[in-house]
Amino acid sequence: MSIEQNKKIVIDFLDTLPNEPDLAIRWFAEDGVWEATYANPEFSSMSGFKNKEELLEMYRGIGNLLQNLKFIVKGLTAEDDRVAAQVETKSNLADGTMYNNIYHMLFELENEKIKAIREYSDTLYAERVLGSFVDQL
């Protein structure tokens, strides 16, 4: 797979995941993993490792929590089977609170599928804004 193909898969996945997770999951490998680290272990529904089914379930829930969630890709860097993405989100919670976080996501691809996503974000901001809403996921 070429670097440009890998970048396209990542862009297509990020464009689709927030509002159409059942469609986006086709780019995720059967044995793929998503990893996010949060400073507060009590923020557990969003933290740790998730397999394909857990990722799908989480984003179905996020779609109910964050209205019109959009991933905005600010930059991509790719090498071999890895794509690094600088990403920003924009959305509103049901109560009208704006949610706007920034991320670095490292994607590892194999055979035209996403094998791993390692997500880094402003976890303190996420905890402060999403705190009481996380139980809904």
Protein backbone atom coordinates (compact mmCIF):
# COMPACT_ATOMS: atom_id res chain seq x y z
CA MET A 1 0.00 0.00 0.00
CA SER A 2 1.34 3.43 -0.86
CA ILE A 3 1.70 6.30 1.59
CA GLU A 4 -0.97 8.24 -0.32
CA GLN A 5 -3.40 5.29 -0.05
CA ASN A 6 -2.76 5.09 3.69
CA LYS A 7 -3.45 8.81 4.09
CA LYS A 8 -6.70 8.48 2.11
CA ILE A 9 -7.89 5.62 4.33
CA VAL A 10 -7.20 7.72 7.45
CA ILE A 11 -9.01 10.76 6.01
CA ASP A 12 -12.00 8.66 4.91
CA PHE A 13 -12.14 6.98 8.34
CA LEU A 14 -12.03 10.30 10.22
CA ASP A 15 -14.59 11.91 7.91
CA THR A 16 -17.02 9.06 8.45
CA LEU A 17 -16.49 7.86 12.05
CA PRO A 18 -18.23 10.59 14.07
CA ASN A 19 -21.62 10.41 12.39
CA GLU A 20 -21.56 7.07 10.53
CA PRO A 21 -19.55 4.69 12.73
CA ASP A 22 -21.16 1.60 11.19
CA LEU A 23 -19.83 2.67 7.79
CA ALA A 24 -16.42 3.84 9.04
CA ILE A 25 -15.65 0.60 10.84
CA ARG A 26 -15.03 -1.12 7.47
CA TRP A 27 -11.57 0.51 7.45
CA PHE A 28 -10.70 -0.98 10.85
CA ALA A 29 -8.98 -4.39 10.97
CA GLU A 30 -10.80 -7.26 12.69
CA ASP A 31 -7.99 -7.48 15.24
CA GLY A 32 -7.39 -3.72 15.34
CA VAL A 33 -7.01 -1.74 18.56
CA TRP A 34 -7.71 1.84 19.56
CA GLU A 35 -5.83 3.28 22.51
CA ALA A 36 -6.47 6.48 24.41
CA THR A 37 -4.81 7.56 27.61
CA TYR A 38 -6.55 9.75 30.14
CA ALA A 39 -4.87 11.08 33.28
CA ASN A 40 -7.83 10.19 35.48
CA PRO A 41 -8.43 6.41 35.62
CA GLU A 42 -12.06 7.07 36.65
CA PHE A 43 -12.60 8.41 33.12
CA SER A 44 -12.48 4.76 32.12
CA SER A 45 -15.21 4.55 29.50
CA MET A 46 -13.06 6.69 27.20
CA SER A 47 -9.62 5.47 28.30
CA GLY A 48 -7.56 2.38 27.59
CA PHE A 49 -7.69 -0.12 24.74
CA LYS A 50 -10.74 -0.89 22.63
CA ASN A 51 -11.20 -3.58 20.01
CA LYS A 52 -13.26 -3.13 16.84
CA GLU A 53 -16.63 -3.83 18.47
CA GLU A 54 -15.88 -1.65 21.51
CA LEU A 55 -14.77 1.21 19.25
CA LEU A 56 -17.98 0.91 17.25
CA GLU A 57 -20.11 0.87 20.41
CA MET A 58 -18.25 3.89 21.83
CA TYR A 59 -18.76 5.98 18.68
CA ARG A 60 -22.42 5.05 18.49
CA GLY A 61 -22.69 6.51 22.00
CA ILE A 62 -20.59 9.55 21.19
CA GLY A 63 -22.93 10.32 18.30
CA ASN A 64 -25.75 10.60 20.84
CA LEU A 65 -23.67 12.72 23.20
CA LEU A 66 -21.92 15.13 20.83
CA GLN A 67 -24.12 16.75 18.23
CA ASN A 68 -22.73 17.15 14.70
CA LEU A 69 -19.28 15.96 15.75
CA LYS A 70 -16.68 16.63 13.10
CA PHE A 71 -13.02 15.66 12.90
CA ILE A 72 -11.04 18.38 11.15
CA VAL A 73 -7.70 17.11 9.86
CA LYS A 74 -5.14 19.88 10.28
CA GLY A 75 -2.13 17.93 9.05
CA LEU A 76 -0.93 14.48 8.03
CA THR A 77 2.53 12.98 8.00
CA ALA A 78 3.06 9.45 6.71
CA GLU A 79 5.92 7.00 6.55
CA ASP A 80 5.85 3.29 5.74
CA ASP A 81 2.65 1.87 7.32
CA ARG A 82 2.08 4.77 9.74
CA VAL A 83 0.07 7.97 9.39
CA ALA A 84 0.27 10.72 12.00
CA ALA A 85 -2.74 13.04 12.06
CA GLN A 86 -3.21 16.39 13.76
CA VAL A 87 -6.94 16.62 14.35
CA GLU A 88 -9.39 19.07 15.89
CA THR A 89 -12.98 18.30 16.89
CA LYS A 90 -15.92 20.64 16.91
CA SER A 91 -19.27 19.74 18.41
CA ASN A 92 -21.91 20.70 20.95
CA LEU A 93 -23.23 18.74 23.89
CA ALA A 94 -26.98 18.33 24.29
CA ASP A 95 -26.99 21.24 26.76
CA GLY A 96 -25.36 23.51 24.15
CA THR A 97 -21.85 23.41 25.64
CA MET A 98 -19.20 23.65 22.91
CA TYR A 99 -16.72 20.78 22.73
CA ASN A 100 -13.56 21.63 20.80
CA ASN A 101 -10.54 19.41 21.49
CA ILE A 102 -7.23 18.83 19.74
CA TYR A 103 -5.66 15.44 19.05
CA HIS A 104 -2.63 13.69 17.73
CA MET A 105 -3.57 10.28 16.35
CA LEU A 106 -1.03 7.75 15.17
CA PHE A 107 -2.52 5.22 12.76
CA GLU A 108 -0.84 1.95 11.88
CA LEU A 109 -2.15 0.27 8.74
CA GLU A 110 -1.83 -3.21 7.28
CA ASN A 111 -3.48 -4.64 4.16
CA GLU A 112 -5.56 -1.48 3.60
CA LYS A 113 -7.00 -1.64 7.14
CA ILE A 114 -6.32 0.35 10.29
CA LYS A 115 -4.51 -2.00 12.64
CA ALA A 116 -4.01 0.46 15.51
CA ILE A 117 -4.92 3.99 16.53
CA ARG A 118 -3.06 5.68 19.36
CA GLU A 119 -4.89 8.82 20.42
CA TYR A 120 -3.42 11.68 22.42
CA SER A 121 -5.59 14.66 23.37
CA ASP A 122 -6.17 17.34 25.97
CA THR A 123 -7.52 14.93 28.57
CA LEU A 124 -8.04 17.53 31.31
CA TYR A 125 -10.24 19.55 28.95
CA ALA A 126 -12.17 16.42 27.95
CA GLU A 127 -12.77 15.50 31.58
CA ARG A 128 -13.91 19.01 32.47
CA VAL A 129 -16.31 19.37 29.55
CA LEU A 130 -17.56 15.80 29.19
CA GLY A 131 -17.31 14.76 32.84
CA SER A 132 -20.93 14.07 33.81
CA PHE A 133 -21.89 13.15 30.26
CA VAL A 134 -19.41 10.25 29.97
CA ASP A 135 -21.76 7.96 31.90
CA GLN A 136 -24.10 8.14 28.88
CA LEU A 137 -21.59 6.30 26.67
